[in-house]
PDB file of N, CA and C in Angstrom:
ATOM      1  N   MET A   1       5.773  64.509  18.249  1.00  0.00           N
ATOM      2  CA  MET A   1       4.502  63.971  18.662  1.00  0.00           C
ATOM      3  C   MET A   1       4.952  63.308  20.064  1.00  0.00           C
ATOM      4  N   THR A   2       3.928  63.336  20.882  1.00  0.00           N
ATOM      5  CA  THR A   2       4.046  62.746  22.175  1.00  0.00           C
ATOM      6  C   THR A   2       3.929  61.431  22.340  1.00  0.00           C
ATOM      7  N   THR A   3       4.783  60.901  23.022  1.00  0.00           N
ATOM      8  CA  THR A   3       4.473  59.347  23.177  1.00  0.00           C
ATOM      9  C   THR A   3       3.530  58.926  24.392  1.00  0.00           C
ATOM     10  N   LEU A   4       3.158  57.664  24.529  1.00  0.00           N
ATOM     11  CA  LEU A   4       2.049  57.146  25.535  1.00  0.00           C
ATOM     12  C   LEU A   4       3.032  57.374  26.740  1.00  0.00           C
ATOM     13  N   LYS A   5       4.213  56.927  26.846  1.00  0.00           N
ATOM     14  CA  LYS A   5       4.893  56.919  27.908  1.00  0.00           C
ATOM     15  C   LYS A   5       4.801  58.414  28.570  1.00  0.00           C
ATOM     16  N   GLU A   6       4.994  59.304  27.887  1.00  0.00           N
ATOM     17  CA  GLU A   6       5.056  60.954  28.349  1.00  0.00           C
ATOM     18  C   GLU A   6       3.795  61.269  28.716  1.00  0.00           C
ATOM     19  N   LEU A   7       2.795  60.875  27.873  1.00  0.00           N
ATOM     20  CA  LEU A   7       1.328  61.126  28.381  1.00  0.00           C
ATOM     21  C   LEU A   7       1.014  60.658  29.572  1.00  0.00           C
ATOM     22  N   LEU A   8       1.375  59.236  30.108  1.00  0.00           N
ATOM     23  CA  LEU A   8       1.152  58.626  31.298  1.00  0.00           C
ATOM     24  C   LEU A   8       1.920  59.408  32.403  1.00  0.00           C
ATOM     25  N   ALA A   9       3.037  59.744  32.161  1.00  0.00           N
ATOM     26  CA  ALA A   9       3.907  60.419  33.233  1.00  0.00           C
ATOM     27  C   ALA A   9       3.142  61.818  33.371  1.00  0.00           C
ATOM     28  N   GLN A  10       2.679  62.601  32.449  1.00  0.00           N
ATOM     29  CA  GLN A  10       1.902  63.886  32.605  1.00  0.00           C
ATOM     30  C   GLN A  10       0.568  63.532  33.296  1.00  0.00           C
ATOM     31  N   GLN A  11       0.103  62.423  33.069  1.00  0.00           N
ATOM     32  CA  GLN A  11      -1.235  61.997  33.858  1.00  0.00           C
ATOM     33  C   GLN A  11      -1.049  61.934  35.150  1.00  0.00           C
ATOM     34  N   ALA A  12       0.075  61.330  35.469  1.00  0.00           N
ATOM     35  CA  ALA A  12       0.531  60.858  36.959  1.00  0.00           C
ATOM     36  C   ALA A  12       0.657  62.064  37.711  1.00  0.00           C
ATOM     37  N   GLN A  13       1.352  62.920  37.329  1.00  0.00           N
ATOM     38  CA  GLN A  13       1.816  64.457  37.643  1.00  0.00           C
ATOM     39  C   GLN A  13       0.679  65.233  37.872  1.00  0.00           C
ATOM     40  N   LEU A  14      -0.588  65.202  36.921  1.00  0.00           N
ATOM     41  CA  LEU A  14      -1.601  65.969  37.239  1.00  0.00           C
ATOM     42  C   LEU A  14      -2.465  65.153  38.060  1.00  0.00           C
ATOM     43  N   ALA A  15      -2.418  63.983  38.281  1.00  0.00           N
ATOM     44  CA  ALA A  15      -3.335  63.388  39.430  1.00  0.00           C
ATOM     45  C   ALA A  15      -2.592  63.891  40.811  1.00  0.00           C
ATOM     46  N   LYS A  16      -1.375  63.822  40.635  1.00  0.00           N
ATOM     47  CA  LYS A  16      -0.908  64.364  42.236  1.00  0.00           C
ATOM     48  C   LYS A  16      -0.914  65.782  42.329  1.00  0.00           C
ATOM     49  N   GLN A  17      -1.193  66.890  41.367  1.00  0.00           N
ATOM     50  CA  GLN A  17      -1.398  68.108  41.455  1.00  0.00           C
ATOM     51  C   GLN A  17      -2.796  67.996  41.994  1.00  0.00           C
ATOM     52  N   ILE A  18      -3.915  67.422  41.161  1.00  0.00           N
ATOM     53  CA  ILE A  18      -5.441  67.289  41.467  1.00  0.00           C
ATOM     54  C   ILE A  18      -5.405  67.148  43.186  1.00  0.00           C
ATOM     55  N   GLU A  19      -4.819  65.886  43.428  1.00  0.00           N
ATOM     56  CA  GLU A  19      -4.970  65.629  44.889  1.00  0.00           C
ATOM     57  C   GLU A  19      -4.497  66.658  45.882  1.00  0.00           C
ATOM     58  N   GLU A  20      -3.227  67.207  45.533  1.00  0.00           N
ATOM     59  CA  GLU A  20      -2.880  68.530  46.658  1.00  0.00           C
ATOM     60  C   GLU A  20      -3.706  69.420  46.367  1.00  0.00           C
ATOM     61  N   VAL A  21      -4.457  69.825  45.548  1.00  0.00           N
ATOM     62  CA  VAL A  21      -5.110  71.169  45.453  1.00  0.00           C
ATOM     63  C   VAL A  21      -6.546  70.831  46.122  1.00  0.00           C
ATOM     64  N   ARG A  22      -6.940  69.439  45.945  1.00  0.00           N
ATOM     65  CA  ARG A  22      -8.227  68.992  46.531  1.00  0.00           C
ATOM     66  C   ARG A  22      -7.883  69.023  47.911  1.00  0.00           C
ATOM     67  N   LYS A  23      -6.808  68.712  48.510  1.00  0.00           N
ATOM     68  CA  LYS A  23      -6.695  68.565  50.017  1.00  0.00           C
ATOM     69  C   LYS A  23      -6.586  69.926  50.506  1.00  0.00           C
ATOM     70  N   ALA A  24      -5.784  70.926  49.576  1.00  0.00           N
ATOM     71  CA  ALA A  24      -6.068  72.361  50.271  1.00  0.00           C
ATOM     72  C   ALA A  24      -7.225  73.083  50.314  1.00  0.00           C
ATOM     73  N   GLU A  25      -8.059  72.873  49.353  1.00  0.00           N
ATOM     74  CA  GLU A  25      -9.574  73.209  49.150  1.00  0.00           C
ATOM     75  C   GLU A  25     -10.260  72.586  50.371  1.00  0.00           C
ATOM     76  N   VAL A  26     -10.060  71.478  50.795  1.00  0.00           N
ATOM     77  CA  VAL A  26     -11.026  71.053  51.620  1.00  0.00           C
ATOM     78  C   VAL A  26     -10.590  71.346  52.892  1.00  0.00           C
ATOM     79  N   ALA A  27      -9.390  71.596  53.263  1.00  0.00           N
ATOM     80  CA  ALA A  27      -8.802  72.041  54.480  1.00  0.00           C
ATOM     81  C   ALA A  27      -9.213  73.898  54.761  1.00  0.00           C
ATOM     82  N   GLY A  28      -9.307  74.636  53.645  1.00  0.00           N
ATOM     83  CA  GLY A  28      -9.904  75.647  53.582  1.00  0.00           C
ATOM     84  C   GLY A  28     -11.304  75.727  53.926  1.00  0.00           C
ATOM     85  N   ALA A  29     -12.142  74.851  53.415  1.00  0.00           N
ATOM     86  CA  ALA A  29     -13.516  74.826  53.364  1.00  0.00           C
ATOM     87  C   ALA A  29     -13.921  74.330  55.000  1.00  0.00           C
ATOM     88  N   ILE A  30     -12.937  73.429  55.388  1.00  0.00           N
ATOM     89  CA  ILE A  30     -13.097  72.948  56.905  1.00  0.00           C
ATOM     90  C   ILE A  30     -12.894  74.118  57.802  1.00  0.00           C
ATOM     91  N   LYS A  31     -11.842  75.040  57.563  1.00  0.00           N
ATOM     92  CA  LYS A  31     -11.645  76.095  58.290  1.00  0.00           C
ATOM     93  C   LYS A  31     -12.575  77.301  58.113  1.00  0.00           C
ATOM     94  N   GLN A  32     -13.435  77.395  57.216  1.00  0.00           N
ATOM     95  CA  GLN A  32     -14.418  78.238  56.708  1.00  0.00           C
ATOM     96  C   GLN A  32     -15.619  77.693  57.890  1.00  0.00           C
ATOM     97  N   VAL A  33     -16.139  76.288  57.524  1.00  0.00           N
ATOM     98  CA  VAL A  33     -16.917  75.868  58.440  1.00  0.00           C
ATOM     99  C   VAL A  33     -16.920  76.086  59.759  1.00  0.00           C
ATOM    100  N   LYS A  34     -15.560  75.634  60.269  1.00  0.00           N
ATOM    101  CA  LYS A  34     -15.403  75.795  61.912  1.00  0.00           C
ATOM    102  C   LYS A  34     -15.679  77.219  62.373  1.00  0.00           C
ATOM    103  N   ALA A  35     -15.361  78.168  61.598  1.00  0.00           N
ATOM    104  CA  ALA A  35     -15.224  79.588  61.784  1.00  0.00           C
ATOM    105  C   ALA A  35     -16.733  80.072  61.704  1.00  0.00           C
ATOM    106  N   ILE A  36     -17.598  79.789  60.969  1.00  0.00           N
ATOM    107  CA  ILE A  36     -19.105  79.710  61.105  1.00  0.00           C
ATOM    108  C   ILE A  36     -19.679  79.061  62.227  1.00  0.00           C
ATOM    109  N   ILE A  37     -19.559  77.939  62.633  1.00  0.00           N
ATOM    110  CA  ILE A  37     -19.984  77.147  63.821  1.00  0.00           C
ATOM    111  C   ILE A  37     -19.649  78.008  65.005  1.00  0.00           C
ATOM    112  N   GLU A  38     -18.311  78.530  65.028  1.00  0.00           N
ATOM    113  CA  GLU A  38     -17.922  79.267  66.420  1.00  0.00           C
ATOM    114  C   GLU A  38     -18.679  80.607  66.455  1.00  0.00           C
ATOM    115  N   GLU A  39     -18.692  81.206  65.472  1.00  0.00           N
ATOM    116  CA  GLU A  39     -19.175  82.402  65.053  1.00  0.00           C
ATOM    117  C   GLU A  39     -20.853  82.460  65.595  1.00  0.00           C
ATOM    118  N   TYR A  40     -21.593  81.591  65.360  1.00  0.00           N
ATOM    119  CA  TYR A  40     -22.970  81.344  65.632  1.00  0.00           C
ATOM    120  C   TYR A  40     -23.406  80.356  66.669  1.00  0.00           C
ATOM    121  N   GLU A  41     -22.301  80.046  67.314  1.00  0.00           N
ATOM    122  CA  GLU A  41     -22.444  79.032  68.506  1.00  0.00           C
ATOM    123  C   GLU A  41     -23.429  77.741  68.029  1.00  0.00           C
ATOM    124  N   LEU A  42     -23.125  77.182  66.843  1.00  0.00           N
ATOM    125  CA  LEU A  42     -23.963  75.880  66.496  1.00  0.00           C
ATOM    126  C   LEU A  42     -23.418  74.838  67.317  1.00  0.00           C
ATOM    127  N   THR A  43     -24.328  73.802  67.288  1.00  0.00           N
ATOM    128  CA  THR A  43     -24.300  72.500  67.803  1.00  0.00           C
ATOM    129  C   THR A  43     -24.366  71.454  66.822  1.00  0.00           C
ATOM    130  N   ALA A  44     -23.868  70.457  67.059  1.00  0.00           N
ATOM    131  CA  ALA A  44     -24.285  69.221  66.107  1.00  0.00           C
ATOM    132  C   ALA A  44     -25.750  69.170  65.675  1.00  0.00           C
ATOM    133  N   ASP A  45     -26.648  69.281  66.692  1.00  0.00           N
ATOM    134  CA  ASP A  45     -27.830  69.117  66.405  1.00  0.00           C
ATOM    135  C   ASP A  45     -28.325  70.259  65.478  1.00  0.00           C
ATOM    136  N   ASP A  46     -27.704  71.359  65.597  1.00  0.00           N
ATOM    137  CA  ASP A  46     -28.257  72.627  64.731  1.00  0.00           C
ATOM    138  C   ASP A  46     -27.905  72.179  63.316  1.00  0.00           C
ATOM    139  N   ILE A  47     -26.882  71.450  63.004  1.00  0.00           N
ATOM    140  CA  ILE A  47     -26.345  71.109  61.823  1.00  0.00           C
ATOM    141  C   ILE A  47     -27.066  70.292  61.111  1.00  0.00           C
ATOM    142  N   PHE A  48     -26.945  68.895  61.908  1.00  0.00           N
ATOM    143  CA  PHE A  48     -27.479  67.513  61.660  1.00  0.00           C
ATOM    144  C   PHE A  48     -28.696  67.333  62.613  1.00  0.00           C
ATOM    145  N   PRO A  49     -29.852  67.759  62.264  1.00  0.00           N
ATOM    146  CA  PRO A  49     -30.970  67.506  63.221  1.00  0.00           C
ATOM    147  C   PRO A  49     -31.011  65.926  63.226  1.00  0.00           C
ATOM    148  N   GLN A  50     -31.458  65.438  64.226  1.00  0.00           N
ATOM    149  CA  GLN A  50     -32.048  64.137  64.482  1.00  0.00           C
ATOM    150  C   GLN A  50     -33.486  63.904  63.575  1.00  0.00           C
ATOM    151  N   ARG A  51     -33.414  62.576  63.294  1.00  0.00           N
ATOM    152  CA  ARG A  51     -34.584  62.063  62.276  1.00  0.00           C
ATOM    153  C   ARG A  51     -35.875  62.404  63.489  1.00  0.00           C
ATOM    154  N   ARG A  52     -36.719  62.962  62.394  1.00  0.00           N
ATOM    155  CA  ARG A  52     -38.190  62.775  63.250  1.00  0.00           C
ATOM    156  C   ARG A  52     -38.759  61.565  63.586  1.00  0.00           C
ATOM    157  N   ALA A  53     -39.660  61.608  64.402  1.00  0.00           N
ATOM    158  CA  ALA A  53     -40.159  60.452  64.986  1.00  0.00           C
ATOM    159  C   ALA A  53     -41.080  59.858  63.605  1.00  0.00           C
ATOM    160  N   PRO A  54     -41.125  58.315  63.534  1.00  0.00           N
ATOM    161  CA  PRO A  54     -41.875  57.886  62.304  1.00  0.00           C
ATOM    162  C   PRO A  54     -43.208  58.320  62.272  1.00  0.00           C
ATOM    163  N   SER A  55     -43.760  58.696  61.283  1.00  0.00           N
ATOM    164  CA  SER A  55     -44.997  58.776  61.167  1.00  0.00           C
ATOM    165  C   SER A  55     -46.049  57.411  61.203  1.00  0.00           C
ATOM    166  N   ALA A  56     -47.425  57.723  61.322  1.00  0.00           N
ATOM    167  CA  ALA A  56     -48.199  56.435  61.333  1.00  0.00           C
ATOM    168  C   ALA A  56     -48.112  55.333  60.170  1.00  0.00           C
ATOM    169  N   SER A  57     -47.420  55.888  59.058  1.00  0.00           N
ATOM    170  CA  SER A  57     -47.510  55.023  57.839  1.00  0.00           C
ATOM    171  C   SER A  57     -46.187  54.235  58.109  1.00  0.00           C
ATOM    172  N   THR A  58     -45.218  54.704  58.931  1.00  0.00           N
ATOM    173  CA  THR A  58     -43.824  54.100  59.010  1.00  0.00           C
ATOM    174  C   THR A  58     -43.791  53.505  60.451  1.00  0.00           C
ATOM    175  N   SER A  59     -44.848  53.186  61.252  1.00  0.00           N
ATOM    176  CA  SER A  59     -44.726  52.731  62.568  1.00  0.00           C
ATOM    177  C   SER A  59     -43.946  51.653  62.853  1.00  0.00           C
ATOM    178  N   GLY A  60     -43.359  50.928  62.120  1.00  0.00           N
ATOM    179  CA  GLY A  60     -42.493  49.787  62.455  1.00  0.00           C
ATOM    180  C   GLY A  60     -42.870  48.720  61.836  1.00  0.00           C
ATOM    181  N   THR A  61     -43.915  48.402  61.429  1.00  0.00           N
ATOM    182  CA  THR A  61     -44.931  47.374  61.114  1.00  0.00           C
ATOM    183  C   THR A  61     -44.482  46.986  59.669  1.00  0.00           C
ATOM    184  N   PRO A  62     -44.068  45.757  59.416  1.00  0.00           N
ATOM    185  CA  PRO A  62     -43.387  45.608  57.912  1.00  0.00           C
ATOM    186  C   PRO A  62     -44.473  45.742  56.980  1.00  0.00           C
ATOM    187  N   LYS A  63     -44.012  46.078  55.724  1.00  0.00           N
ATOM    188  CA  LYS A  63     -44.745  46.360  54.545  1.00  0.00           C
ATOM    189  C   LYS A  63     -45.241  45.144  54.082  1.00  0.00           C
ATOM    190  N   VAL A  64     -46.494  44.857  53.620  1.00  0.00           N
ATOM    191  CA  VAL A  64     -46.882  43.601  52.970  1.00  0.00           C
ATOM    192  C   VAL A  64     -46.571  43.592  51.539  1.00  0.00           C
ATOM    193  N   LYS A  65     -45.496  43.094  51.243  1.00  0.00           N
ATOM    194  CA  LYS A  65     -45.265  42.824  49.663  1.00  0.00           C
ATOM    195  C   LYS A  65     -46.058  42.056  48.772  1.00  0.00           C
ATOM    196  N   GLY A  66     -47.237  41.512  49.128  1.00  0.00           N
ATOM    197  CA  GLY A  66     -48.097  40.932  48.394  1.00  0.00           C
ATOM    198  C   GLY A  66     -48.193  39.267  48.368  1.00  0.00           C
ATOM    199  N   VAL A  67     -49.098  38.795  48.052  1.00  0.00           N
ATOM    200  CA  VAL A  67     -49.335  37.514  48.313  1.00  0.00           C
ATOM    201  C   VAL A  67     -48.324  36.493  47.276  1.00  0.00           C
ATOM    202  N   ALA A  68     -47.814  35.617  47.774  1.00  0.00           N
ATOM    203  CA  ALA A  68     -46.753  34.697  46.898  1.00  0.00           C
ATOM    204  C   ALA A  68     -47.824  33.963  46.020  1.00  0.00           C
ATOM    205  N   LYS A  69     -47.129  33.923  44.796  1.00  0.00           N
ATOM    206  CA  LYS A  69     -47.809  33.024  43.664  1.00  0.00           C
ATOM    207  C   LYS A  69     -47.232  31.777  43.290  1.00  0.00           C
ATOM    208  N   TYR A  70     -45.998  31.948  43.381  1.00  0.00           N
ATOM    209  CA  TYR A  70     -45.059  31.159  43.003  1.00  0.00           C
ATOM    210  C   TYR A  70     -44.135  30.436  44.241  1.00  0.00           C
ATOM    211  N   GLN A  71     -43.754  29.269  44.260  1.00  0.00           N
ATOM    212  CA  GLN A  71     -43.061  28.852  45.195  1.00  0.00           C
ATOM    213  C   GLN A  71     -41.782  27.850  44.982  1.00  0.00           C
ATOM    214  N   ASN A  72     -40.630  27.853  45.357  1.00  0.00           N
ATOM    215  CA  ASN A  72     -39.568  26.802  45.067  1.00  0.00           C
ATOM    216  C   ASN A  72     -40.064  25.546  45.419  1.00  0.00           C
ATOM    217  N   ARG A  73     -39.816  24.665  44.485  1.00  0.00           N
ATOM    218  CA  ARG A  73     -40.334  23.224  44.935  1.00  0.00           C
ATOM    219  C   ARG A  73     -39.233  22.642  45.884  1.00  0.00           C
ATOM    220  N   ILE A  74     -37.975  22.926  45.830  1.00  0.00           N
ATOM    221  CA  ILE A  74     -36.994  22.179  46.698  1.00  0.00           C
ATOM    222  C   ILE A  74     -36.892  23.117  47.998  1.00  0.00           C
ATOM    223  N   ASP A  75     -37.140  24.375  48.264  1.00  0.00           N
ATOM    224  CA  ASP A  75     -37.028  25.309  49.227  1.00  0.00           C
ATOM    225  C   ASP A  75     -38.304  25.975  49.401  1.00  0.00           C
ATOM    226  N   PRO A  76     -39.527  25.297  50.139  1.00  0.00           N
ATOM    227  CA  PRO A  76     -40.584  26.195  50.098  1.00  0.00           C
ATOM    228  C   PRO A  76     -40.667  27.382  50.794  1.00  0.00           C
ATOM    229  N   ASN A  77     -39.619  27.859  51.464  1.00  0.00           N
ATOM    230  CA  ASN A  77     -39.439  29.380  52.005  1.00  0.00           C
ATOM    231  C   ASN A  77     -39.187  30.355  50.930  1.00  0.00           C
ATOM    232  N   LEU A  78     -38.605  29.893  49.929  1.00  0.00           N
ATOM    233  CA  LEU A  78     -38.447  30.821  48.630  1.00  0.00           C
ATOM    234  C   LEU A  78     -39.758  30.832  47.823  1.00  0.00           C
ATOM    235  N   THR A  79     -40.184  32.259  48.039  1.00  0.00           N
ATOM    236  CA  THR A  79     -41.435  32.515  47.211  1.00  0.00           C
ATOM    237  C   THR A  79     -41.466  33.803  46.177  1.00  0.00           C
ATOM    238  N   TRP A  80     -42.381  33.922  45.381  1.00  0.00           N
ATOM    239  CA  TRP A  80     -42.234  34.907  44.494  1.00  0.00           C
ATOM    240  C   TRP A  80     -43.637  35.585  44.260  1.00  0.00           C
ATOM    241  N   THR A  81     -44.086  36.563  44.162  1.00  0.00           N
ATOM    242  CA  THR A  81     -45.452  37.243  44.211  1.00  0.00           C
ATOM    243  C   THR A  81     -45.710  37.180  42.400  1.00  0.00           C
ATOM    244  N   GLY A  82     -44.547  36.830  41.768  1.00  0.00           N
ATOM    245  CA  GLY A  82     -44.935  37.236  40.242  1.00  0.00           C
ATOM    246  C   GLY A  82     -44.824  38.621  39.748  1.00  0.00           C
ATOM    247  N   LYS A  83     -44.491  39.436  40.643  1.00  0.00           N
ATOM    248  CA  LYS A  83     -44.332  40.908  40.315  1.00  0.00           C
ATOM    249  C   LYS A  83     -42.786  41.415  40.599  1.00  0.00           C
ATOM    250  N   GLY A  84     -42.370  42.150  39.677  1.00  0.00           N
ATOM    251  CA  GLY A  84     -40.930  42.544  39.976  1.00  0.00           C
ATOM    252  C   GLY A  84     -40.103  41.750  39.064  1.00  0.00           C
ATOM    253  N   ARG A  85     -38.742  41.900  39.288  1.00  0.00           N
ATOM    254  CA  ARG A  85     -37.792  41.194  38.751  1.00  0.00           C
ATOM    255  C   ARG A  85     -37.977  39.863  39.389  1.00  0.00           C
ATOM    256  N   LYS A  86     -37.615  38.671  38.321  1.00  0.00           N
ATOM    257  CA  LYS A  86     -37.817  37.416  38.676  1.00  0.00           C
ATOM    258  C   LYS A  86     -36.410  36.903  39.645  1.00  0.00           C
ATOM    259  N   PRO A  87     -36.804  36.109  40.855  1.00  0.00           N
ATOM    260  CA  PRO A  87     -35.785  35.786  41.621  1.00  0.00           C
ATOM    261  C   PRO A  87     -34.844  34.784  41.005  1.00  0.00           C
ATOM    262  N   GLU A  88     -33.434  34.721  41.480  1.00  0.00           N
ATOM    263  CA  GLU A  88     -32.542  33.912  40.521  1.00  0.00           C
ATOM    264  C   GLU A  88     -32.877  32.470  40.889  1.00  0.00           C
ATOM    265  N   TRP A  89     -33.879  31.910  41.860  1.00  0.00           N
ATOM    266  CA  TRP A  89     -34.245  30.450  41.674  1.00  0.00           C
ATOM    267  C   TRP A  89     -35.228  30.469  40.560  1.00  0.00           C
ATOM    268  N   VAL A  90     -36.105  31.372  40.218  1.00  0.00           N
ATOM    269  CA  VAL A  90     -37.023  31.270  39.369  1.00  0.00           C
ATOM    270  C   VAL A  90     -36.249  31.061  37.757  1.00  0.00           C
ATOM    271  N   ILE A  91     -35.307  32.173  37.716  1.00  0.00           N
ATOM    272  CA  ILE A  91     -34.578  32.135  36.508  1.00  0.00           C
ATOM    273  C   ILE A  91     -33.843  30.760  36.245  1.00  0.00           C
ATOM    274  N   THR A  92     -33.094  30.218  37.289  1.00  0.00           N
ATOM    275  CA  THR A  92     -32.452  29.071  37.145  1.00  0.00           C
ATOM    276  C   THR A  92     -33.591  27.916  36.862  1.00  0.00           C
ATOM    277  N   PHE A  93     -34.727  27.962  37.378  1.00  0.00           N
ATOM    278  CA  PHE A  93     -35.517  26.770  37.208  1.00  0.00           C
ATOM    279  C   PHE A  93     -36.106  27.021  35.686  1.00  0.00           C
ATOM    280  N   LEU A  94     -36.447  28.181  35.299  1.00  0.00           N
ATOM    281  CA  LEU A  94     -36.847  28.385  33.870  1.00  0.00           C
ATOM    282  C   LEU A  94     -35.701  27.987  32.990  1.00  0.00           C
ATOM    283  N   ALA A  95     -34.542  28.178  33.092  1.00  0.00           N
ATOM    284  CA  ALA A  95     -33.405  27.951  32.189  1.00  0.00           C
ATOM    285  C   ALA A  95     -33.165  26.418  31.936  1.00  0.00           C
ATOM    286  N   ASN A  96     -33.689  25.754  33.266  1.00  0.00           N
ATOM    287  CA  ASN A  96     -33.244  24.160  32.874  1.00  0.00           C
ATOM    288  C   ASN A  96     -34.572  23.432  32.553  1.00  0.00           C
ATOM    289  N   GLY A  97     -35.478  24.247  31.888  1.00  0.00           N
ATOM    290  CA  GLY A  97     -36.713  23.698  31.402  1.00  0.00           C
ATOM    291  C   GLY A  97     -37.924  23.635  31.950  1.00  0.00           C
ATOM    292  N   GLY A  98     -37.986  24.220  33.321  1.00  0.00           N
ATOM    293  CA  GLY A  98     -39.283  24.416  33.928  1.00  0.00           C
ATOM    294  C   GLY A  98     -39.955  25.393  33.301  1.00  0.00           C
ATOM    295  N   THR A  99     -41.228  25.666  34.087  1.00  0.00           N
ATOM    296  CA  THR A  99     -42.511  26.520  33.473  1.00  0.00           C
ATOM    297  C   THR A  99     -42.923  27.034  34.721  1.00  0.00           C
ATOM    298  N   LEU A 100     -43.392  28.343  34.510  1.00  0.00           N
ATOM    299  CA  LEU A 100     -43.885  29.238  35.762  1.00  0.00           C
ATOM    300  C   LEU A 100     -45.114  28.241  36.442  1.00  0.00           C
ATOM    301  N   GLU A 101     -45.837  27.663  35.539  1.00  0.00           N
ATOM    302  CA  GLU A 101     -46.989  26.866  35.897  1.00  0.00           C
ATOM    303  C   GLU A 101     -46.878  25.930  36.975  1.00  0.00           C
ATOM    304  N   GLU A 102     -45.587  24.980  36.860  1.00  0.00           N
ATOM    305  CA  GLU A 102     -45.101  24.286  37.832  1.00  0.00           C
ATOM    306  C   GLU A 102     -44.470  24.893  39.016  1.00  0.00           C
ATOM    307  N   LEU A 103     -44.343  26.133  39.052  1.00  0.00           N
ATOM    308  CA  LEU A 103     -44.042  26.608  40.311  1.00  0.00           C
ATOM    309  C   LEU A 103     -45.307  27.123  41.305  1.00  0.00           C
ATOM    310  N   GLU A 104     -46.284  27.548  40.431  1.00  0.00           N
ATOM    311  CA  GLU A 104     -47.501  27.953  41.005  1.00  0.00           C
ATOM    312  C   GLU A 104     -47.947  27.397  42.586  1.00  0.00           C
ATOM    313  N   ILE A 105     -48.298  28.093  43.204  1.00  0.00           N
ATOM    314  CA  ILE A 105     -48.769  27.710  44.528  1.00  0.00           C
ATOM    315  C   ILE A 105     -50.311  27.421  44.154  1.00  0.00           C
ATOM    316  N   LYS A 106     -50.435  26.119  44.608  1.00  0.00           N
ATOM    317  CA  LYS A 106     -52.009  25.645  44.388  1.00  0.00           C
ATOM    318  C   LYS A 106     -52.848  25.830  45.734  1.00  0.00           C
ATOM    319  N   SER A 107     -53.903  26.671  45.449  1.00  0.00           N
ATOM    320  CA  SER A 107     -54.809  26.794  46.710  1.00  0.00           C
ATOM    321  C   SER A 107     -55.503  25.418  46.776  1.00  0.00           C
ATOM    322  N   ASN A 108     -55.861  25.121  47.974  1.00  0.00           N
ATOM    323  CA  ASN A 108     -56.745  24.036  48.344  1.00  0.00           C
ATOM    324  C   ASN A 108     -58.059  24.486  48.493  1.00  0.00           C
TER     325      ASN A 108
END
């Protein structure tokens, strides 16, 4: 029966062999890619085209996330729409016995 120590030694040897083979295969792949680039006279822009210009919907204006429904009583800059995952400050407030109703932003 094989011992744990023997298996760990085999594992270490396999890991070393795997890394050596990986390096050799990557080197071969790079050599092939370089040969293709040279053969077809490719440029970096041919292979990695620049991102296209943003469309009208992504014109740099920030996306509106929604109207805040809840506000932190200690730091009014922390708000939450009530949609999606609860922020940590809401979770903490609720864990300490507070209610969501206490955090609601009252409209005047």
